[in-house]
Amino acid sequence: MLAVATCLTGLTEKAFFSLGNTYSSLPQEAFVVNSLAMALMGCAIIVGYIVMREDLRYRGHLLVSAQAD
């Protein structure tokens, strides 16, 4: 989740510094940045949902057989 936050911060900073005041008029680069940000947020929400679901967690089974000597 921190990686997504870092990436979104970098995208926002790059968009504001490279586009300046023209960002509000939404040039084509702004659409690309916004689409990428929405895709990253969607992936972060889905990964967070998968991690929190109990039935999607990995349950490792350790099989130990006791042998009499």
PDB file of N, CA and C in Angstrom:
ATOM      1  N   MET A   1       0.815  -1.183   0.000  1.00  0.00           N
ATOM      2  CA  MET A   1       0.000   0.000   0.000  1.00  0.00           C
ATOM      3  C   MET A   1       0.870   1.264   0.000  1.00  0.00           C
ATOM      4  N   LEU A   2       2.001   1.186   0.676  1.00  0.00           N
ATOM      5  CA  LEU A   2       2.900   2.339   0.666  1.00  0.00           C
ATOM      6  C   LEU A   2       3.512   2.551  -0.710  1.00  0.00           C
ATOM      7  N   ALA A   3       3.713   1.473  -1.446  1.00  0.00           N
ATOM      8  CA  ALA A   3       4.252   1.606  -2.803  1.00  0.00           C
ATOM      9  C   ALA A   3       3.252   2.325  -3.705  1.00  0.00           C
ATOM     10  N   VAL A   4       1.979   2.019  -3.541  1.00  0.00           N
ATOM     11  CA  VAL A   4       0.951   2.689  -4.334  1.00  0.00           C
ATOM     12  C   VAL A   4       0.880   4.163  -3.954  1.00  0.00           C
ATOM     13  N   ALA A   5       0.958   4.450  -2.658  1.00  0.00           N
ATOM     14  CA  ALA A   5       0.932   5.845  -2.216  1.00  0.00           C
ATOM     15  C   ALA A   5       2.137   6.613  -2.751  1.00  0.00           C
ATOM     16  N   THR A   6       3.297   5.983  -2.754  1.00  0.00           N
ATOM     17  CA  THR A   6       4.499   6.626  -3.288  1.00  0.00           C
ATOM     18  C   THR A   6       4.366   6.882  -4.780  1.00  0.00           C
ATOM     19  N   CYS A   7       3.842   5.913  -5.488  1.00  0.00           N
ATOM     20  CA  CYS A   7       3.660   6.061  -6.933  1.00  0.00           C
ATOM     21  C   CYS A   7       2.654   7.166  -7.256  1.00  0.00           C
ATOM     22  N   LEU A   8       1.556   7.224  -6.511  1.00  0.00           N
ATOM     23  CA  LEU A   8       0.556   8.273  -6.743  1.00  0.00           C
ATOM     24  C   LEU A   8       1.119   9.652  -6.426  1.00  0.00           C
ATOM     25  N   THR A   9       1.922   9.732  -5.377  1.00  0.00           N
ATOM     26  CA  THR A   9       2.550  11.010  -5.045  1.00  0.00           C
ATOM     27  C   THR A   9       3.502  11.448  -6.147  1.00  0.00           C
ATOM     28  N   GLY A  10       4.280  10.513  -6.669  1.00  0.00           N
ATOM     29  CA  GLY A  10       5.201  10.834  -7.759  1.00  0.00           C
ATOM     30  C   GLY A  10       4.472  11.238  -9.026  1.00  0.00           C
ATOM     31  N   LEU A  11       3.387  10.554  -9.344  1.00  0.00           N
ATOM     32  CA  LEU A  11       2.608  10.911 -10.532  1.00  0.00           C
ATOM     33  C   LEU A  11       2.009  12.307 -10.395  1.00  0.00           C
ATOM     34  N   THR A  12       1.474  12.590  -9.224  1.00  0.00           N
ATOM     35  CA  THR A  12       0.869  13.901  -9.000  1.00  0.00           C
ATOM     36  C   THR A  12       1.908  15.007  -9.084  1.00  0.00           C
ATOM     37  N   GLU A  13       3.055  14.774  -8.481  1.00  0.00           N
ATOM     38  CA  GLU A  13       4.121  15.775  -8.515  1.00  0.00           C
ATOM     39  C   GLU A  13       4.612  16.005  -9.942  1.00  0.00           C
ATOM     40  N   LYS A  14       4.809  14.936 -10.682  1.00  0.00           N
ATOM     41  CA  LYS A  14       5.271  15.054 -12.066  1.00  0.00           C
ATOM     42  C   LYS A  14       4.241  15.797 -12.916  1.00  0.00           C
ATOM     43  N   ALA A  15       2.967  15.485 -12.721  1.00  0.00           N
ATOM     44  CA  ALA A  15       1.925  16.136 -13.514  1.00  0.00           C
ATOM     45  C   ALA A  15       1.841  17.624 -13.201  1.00  0.00           C
ATOM     46  N   PHE A  16       1.898  17.985 -11.942  1.00  0.00           N
ATOM     47  CA  PHE A  16       1.788  19.392 -11.589  1.00  0.00           C
ATOM     48  C   PHE A  16       3.005  20.199 -12.031  1.00  0.00           C
ATOM     49  N   PHE A  17       4.196  19.625 -11.920  1.00  0.00           N
ATOM     50  CA  PHE A  17       5.392  20.370 -12.291  1.00  0.00           C
ATOM     51  C   PHE A  17       5.596  20.425 -13.801  1.00  0.00           C
ATOM     52  N   SER A  18       5.228  19.378 -14.524  1.00  0.00           N
ATOM     53  CA  SER A  18       5.445  19.395 -15.969  1.00  0.00           C
ATOM     54  C   SER A  18       4.322  20.122 -16.709  1.00  0.00           C
ATOM     55  N   LEU A  19       3.091  20.006 -16.220  1.00  0.00           N
ATOM     56  CA  LEU A  19       1.967  20.642 -16.910  1.00  0.00           C
ATOM     57  C   LEU A  19       1.660  22.039 -16.375  1.00  0.00           C
ATOM     58  N   GLY A  20       1.968  22.269 -15.115  1.00  0.00           N
ATOM     59  CA  GLY A  20       1.745  23.598 -14.536  1.00  0.00           C
ATOM     60  C   GLY A  20       0.270  23.961 -14.490  1.00  0.00           C
ATOM     61  N   ASN A  21      -0.049  25.148 -14.963  1.00  0.00           N
ATOM     62  CA  ASN A  21      -1.432  25.631 -14.908  1.00  0.00           C
ATOM     63  C   ASN A  21      -2.322  25.001 -15.969  1.00  0.00           C
ATOM     64  N   THR A  22      -1.742  24.335 -16.951  1.00  0.00           N
ATOM     65  CA  THR A  22      -2.556  23.721 -18.008  1.00  0.00           C
ATOM     66  C   THR A  22      -3.186  22.406 -17.555  1.00  0.00           C
ATOM     67  N   TYR A  23      -2.838  21.924 -16.350  1.00  0.00           N
ATOM     68  CA  TYR A  23      -3.401  20.658 -15.860  1.00  0.00           C
ATOM     69  C   TYR A  23      -4.913  20.758 -15.675  1.00  0.00           C
ATOM     70  N   SER A  24      -5.404  21.932 -15.295  1.00  0.00           N
ATOM     71  CA  SER A  24      -6.837  22.097 -15.055  1.00  0.00           C
ATOM     72  C   SER A  24      -7.643  22.032 -16.350  1.00  0.00           C
ATOM     73  N   SER A  25      -7.025  22.304 -17.499  1.00  0.00           N
ATOM     74  CA  SER A  25      -7.733  22.197 -18.778  1.00  0.00           C
ATOM     75  C   SER A  25      -7.715  20.771 -19.315  1.00  0.00           C
ATOM     76  N   LEU A  26      -7.083  19.860 -18.585  1.00  0.00           N
ATOM     77  CA  LEU A  26      -7.024  18.418 -18.870  1.00  0.00           C
ATOM     78  C   LEU A  26      -6.504  18.096 -20.276  1.00  0.00           C
ATOM     79  N   PRO A  27      -5.207  18.327 -20.508  1.00  0.00           N
ATOM     80  CA  PRO A  27      -4.620  17.867 -21.772  1.00  0.00           C
ATOM     81  C   PRO A  27      -4.529  16.343 -21.777  1.00  0.00           C
ATOM     82  N   GLN A  28      -4.060  15.799 -22.867  1.00  0.00           N
ATOM     83  CA  GLN A  28      -4.028  14.340 -23.024  1.00  0.00           C
ATOM     84  C   GLN A  28      -3.154  13.672 -21.970  1.00  0.00           C
ATOM     85  N   GLU A  29      -2.063  14.298 -21.573  1.00  0.00           N
ATOM     86  CA  GLU A  29      -1.190  13.723 -20.548  1.00  0.00           C
ATOM     87  C   GLU A  29      -1.904  13.648 -19.193  1.00  0.00           C
ATOM     88  N   ALA A  30      -2.773  14.591 -18.921  1.00  0.00           N
ATOM     89  CA  ALA A  30      -3.529  14.570 -17.671  1.00  0.00           C
ATOM     90  C   ALA A  30      -4.491  13.374 -17.647  1.00  0.00           C
ATOM     91  N   PHE A  31      -5.094  13.045 -18.766  1.00  0.00           N
ATOM     92  CA  PHE A  31      -5.962  11.869 -18.833  1.00  0.00           C
ATOM     93  C   PHE A  31      -5.185  10.585 -18.581  1.00  0.00           C
ATOM     94  N   VAL A  32      -3.974  10.509 -19.115  1.00  0.00           N
ATOM     95  CA  VAL A  32      -3.140   9.327 -18.906  1.00  0.00           C
ATOM     96  C   VAL A  32      -2.765   9.201 -17.429  1.00  0.00           C
ATOM     97  N   VAL A  33      -2.369  10.303 -16.810  1.00  0.00           N
ATOM     98  CA  VAL A  33      -1.992  10.282 -15.392  1.00  0.00           C
ATOM     99  C   VAL A  33      -3.191   9.906 -14.533  1.00  0.00           C
ATOM    100  N   ASN A  34      -4.351  10.484 -14.818  1.00  0.00           N
ATOM    101  CA  ASN A  34      -5.547  10.175 -14.034  1.00  0.00           C
ATOM    102  C   ASN A  34      -5.972   8.720 -14.222  1.00  0.00           C
ATOM    103  N   SER A  35      -5.877   8.212 -15.428  1.00  0.00           N
ATOM    104  CA  SER A  35      -6.233   6.809 -15.676  1.00  0.00           C
ATOM    105  C   SER A  35      -5.296   5.857 -14.957  1.00  0.00           C
ATOM    106  N   LEU A  36      -4.019   6.161 -14.991  1.00  0.00           N
ATOM    107  CA  LEU A  36      -3.035   5.336 -14.293  1.00  0.00           C
ATOM    108  C   LEU A  36      -3.262   5.381 -12.788  1.00  0.00           C
ATOM    109  N   ALA A  37      -3.582   6.544 -12.261  1.00  0.00           N
ATOM    110  CA  ALA A  37      -3.857   6.673 -10.831  1.00  0.00           C
ATOM    111  C   ALA A  37      -5.102   5.869 -10.436  1.00  0.00           C
ATOM    112  N   MET A  38      -6.138   5.900 -11.260  1.00  0.00           N
ATOM    113  CA  MET A  38      -7.343   5.118 -10.957  1.00  0.00           C
ATOM    114  C   MET A  38      -7.064   3.623 -11.018  1.00  0.00           C
ATOM    115  N   ALA A  39      -6.248   3.199 -11.978  1.00  0.00           N
ATOM    116  CA  ALA A  39      -5.903   1.784 -12.081  1.00  0.00           C
ATOM    117  C   ALA A  39      -5.090   1.329 -10.866  1.00  0.00           C
ATOM    118  N   LEU A  40      -4.153   2.163 -10.422  1.00  0.00           N
ATOM    119  CA  LEU A  40      -3.370   1.830  -9.227  1.00  0.00           C
ATOM    120  C   LEU A  40      -4.249   1.741  -7.990  1.00  0.00           C
ATOM    121  N   MET A  41      -5.174   2.668  -7.843  1.00  0.00           N
ATOM    122  CA  MET A  41      -6.079   2.637  -6.691  1.00  0.00           C
ATOM    123  C   MET A  41      -6.983   1.407  -6.746  1.00  0.00           C
ATOM    124  N   GLY A  42      -7.445   1.061  -7.932  1.00  0.00           N
ATOM    125  CA  GLY A  42      -8.267  -0.141  -8.073  1.00  0.00           C
ATOM    126  C   GLY A  42      -7.502  -1.394  -7.679  1.00  0.00           C
ATOM    127  N   CYS A  43      -6.257  -1.491  -8.123  1.00  0.00           N
ATOM    128  CA  CYS A  43      -5.429  -2.644  -7.757  1.00  0.00           C
ATOM    129  C   CYS A  43      -5.164  -2.680  -6.261  1.00  0.00           C
ATOM    130  N   ALA A  44      -4.923  -1.525  -5.648  1.00  0.00           N
ATOM    131  CA  ALA A  44      -4.679  -1.479  -4.207  1.00  0.00           C
ATOM    132  C   ALA A  44      -5.916  -1.910  -3.422  1.00  0.00           C
ATOM    133  N   ILE A  45      -7.080  -1.504  -3.874  1.00  0.00           N
ATOM    134  CA  ILE A  45      -8.324  -1.903  -3.194  1.00  0.00           C
ATOM    135  C   ILE A  45      -8.551  -3.396  -3.335  1.00  0.00           C
ATOM    136  N   ILE A  46      -8.320  -3.930  -4.519  1.00  0.00           N
ATOM    137  CA  ILE A  46      -8.521  -5.372  -4.737  1.00  0.00           C
ATOM    138  C   ILE A  46      -7.530  -6.189  -3.924  1.00  0.00           C
ATOM    139  N   VAL A  47      -6.269  -5.778  -3.888  1.00  0.00           N
ATOM    140  CA  VAL A  47      -5.268  -6.508  -3.105  1.00  0.00           C
ATOM    141  C   VAL A  47      -5.599  -6.428  -1.614  1.00  0.00           C
ATOM    142  N   GLY A  48      -6.010  -5.267  -1.150  1.00  0.00           N
ATOM    143  CA  GLY A  48      -6.419  -5.132   0.248  1.00  0.00           C
ATOM    144  C   GLY A  48      -7.608  -6.015   0.591  1.00  0.00           C
ATOM    145  N   TYR A  49      -8.550  -6.124  -0.312  1.00  0.00           N
ATOM    146  CA  TYR A  49      -9.719  -6.985  -0.111  1.00  0.00           C
ATOM    147  C   TYR A  49      -9.298  -8.451  -0.049  1.00  0.00           C
ATOM    148  N   ILE A  50      -8.426  -8.856  -0.948  1.00  0.00           N
ATOM    149  CA  ILE A  50      -7.978 -10.251  -0.972  1.00  0.00           C
ATOM    150  C   ILE A  50      -7.211 -10.604   0.300  1.00  0.00           C
ATOM    151  N   VAL A  51      -6.385  -9.685   0.764  1.00  0.00           N
ATOM    152  CA  VAL A  51      -5.596  -9.948   1.971  1.00  0.00           C
ATOM    153  C   VAL A  51      -6.495 -10.076   3.196  1.00  0.00           C
ATOM    154  N   MET A  52      -7.548  -9.303   3.257  1.00  0.00           N
ATOM    155  CA  MET A  52      -8.421  -9.307   4.435  1.00  0.00           C
ATOM    156  C   MET A  52      -9.418 -10.469   4.457  1.00  0.00           C
ATOM    157  N   ARG A  53      -9.695 -11.074   3.323  1.00  0.00           N
ATOM    158  CA  ARG A  53     -10.677 -12.164   3.277  1.00  0.00           C
ATOM    159  C   ARG A  53     -10.107 -13.410   3.935  1.00  0.00           C
ATOM    160  N   GLU A  54     -10.870 -13.998   4.834  1.00  0.00           N
ATOM    161  CA  GLU A  54     -10.425 -15.191   5.557  1.00  0.00           C
ATOM    162  C   GLU A  54     -10.410 -16.420   4.641  1.00  0.00           C
ATOM    163  N   ASP A  55     -11.391 -16.542   3.771  1.00  0.00           N
ATOM    164  CA  ASP A  55     -11.454 -17.731   2.917  1.00  0.00           C
ATOM    165  C   ASP A  55     -10.448 -17.707   1.772  1.00  0.00           C
ATOM    166  N   LEU A  56      -9.772 -16.598   1.537  1.00  0.00           N
ATOM    167  CA  LEU A  56      -8.749 -16.529   0.500  1.00  0.00           C
ATOM    168  C   LEU A  56      -7.335 -16.641   1.059  1.00  0.00           C
ATOM    169  N   ARG A  57      -7.202 -16.810   2.353  1.00  0.00           N
ATOM    170  CA  ARG A  57      -5.877 -16.929   2.961  1.00  0.00           C
ATOM    171  C   ARG A  57      -5.313 -18.329   2.763  1.00  0.00           C
ATOM    172  N   TYR A  58      -4.017 -18.390   2.708  1.00  0.00           N
ATOM    173  CA  TYR A  58      -3.328 -19.664   2.554  1.00  0.00           C
ATOM    174  C   TYR A  58      -3.286 -20.376   3.893  1.00  0.00           C
ATOM    175  N   ARG A  59      -3.699 -21.605   3.871  1.00  0.00           N
ATOM    176  CA  ARG A  59      -3.640 -22.422   5.081  1.00  0.00           C
ATOM    177  C   ARG A  59      -2.697 -23.587   4.819  1.00  0.00           C
ATOM    178  N   GLY A  60      -1.494 -23.439   5.246  1.00  0.00           N
ATOM    179  CA  GLY A  60      -0.506 -24.497   5.059  1.00  0.00           C
ATOM    180  C   GLY A  60      -0.743 -25.633   6.035  1.00  0.00           C
ATOM    181  N   HIS A  61      -0.644 -26.830   5.548  1.00  0.00           N
ATOM    182  CA  HIS A  61      -0.844 -28.010   6.385  1.00  0.00           C
ATOM    183  C   HIS A  61       0.498 -28.716   6.518  1.00  0.00           C
ATOM    184  N   LEU A  62       0.888 -28.952   7.745  1.00  0.00           N
ATOM    185  CA  LEU A  62       2.121 -29.638   8.018  1.00  0.00           C
ATOM    186  C   LEU A  62       1.768 -31.048   8.438  1.00  0.00           C
ATOM    187  N   LEU A  63       2.152 -31.979   7.632  1.00  0.00           N
ATOM    188  CA  LEU A  63       1.852 -33.391   7.927  1.00  0.00           C
ATOM    189  C   LEU A  63       3.052 -34.014   8.614  1.00  0.00           C
ATOM    190  N   VAL A  64       2.860 -34.416   9.825  1.00  0.00           N
ATOM    191  CA  VAL A  64       3.933 -35.038  10.598  1.00  0.00           C
ATOM    192  C   VAL A  64       3.481 -36.448  10.921  1.00  0.00           C
ATOM    193  N   SER A  65       4.290 -37.390  10.564  1.00  0.00           N
ATOM    194  CA  SER A  65       3.961 -38.777  10.890  1.00  0.00           C
ATOM    195  C   SER A  65       4.910 -39.247  11.984  1.00  0.00           C
ATOM    196  N   ALA A  66       4.329 -39.804  13.006  1.00  0.00           N
ATOM    197  CA  ALA A  66       5.128 -40.286  14.128  1.00  0.00           C
ATOM    198  C   ALA A  66       5.451 -41.758  13.844  1.00  0.00           C
ATOM    199  N   GLN A  67       6.733 -42.081  13.874  1.00  0.00           N
ATOM    200  CA  GLN A  67       7.157 -43.442  13.651  1.00  0.00           C
ATOM    201  C   GLN A  67       7.709 -43.997  14.954  1.00  0.00           C
ATOM    202  N   ALA A  68       7.237 -45.161  15.283  1.00  0.00           N
ATOM    203  CA  ALA A  68       7.734 -45.798  16.526  1.00  0.00           C
ATOM    204  C   ALA A  68       9.065 -46.458  16.215  1.00  0.00           C
ATOM    205  N   ASP A  69      10.030 -46.245  17.060  1.00  0.00           N
ATOM    206  CA  ASP A  69      11.339 -46.871  16.880  1.00  0.00           C
ATOM    207  C   ASP A  69      11.433 -48.135  17.672  1.00  0.00           C
TER     208      ASP A  69
END
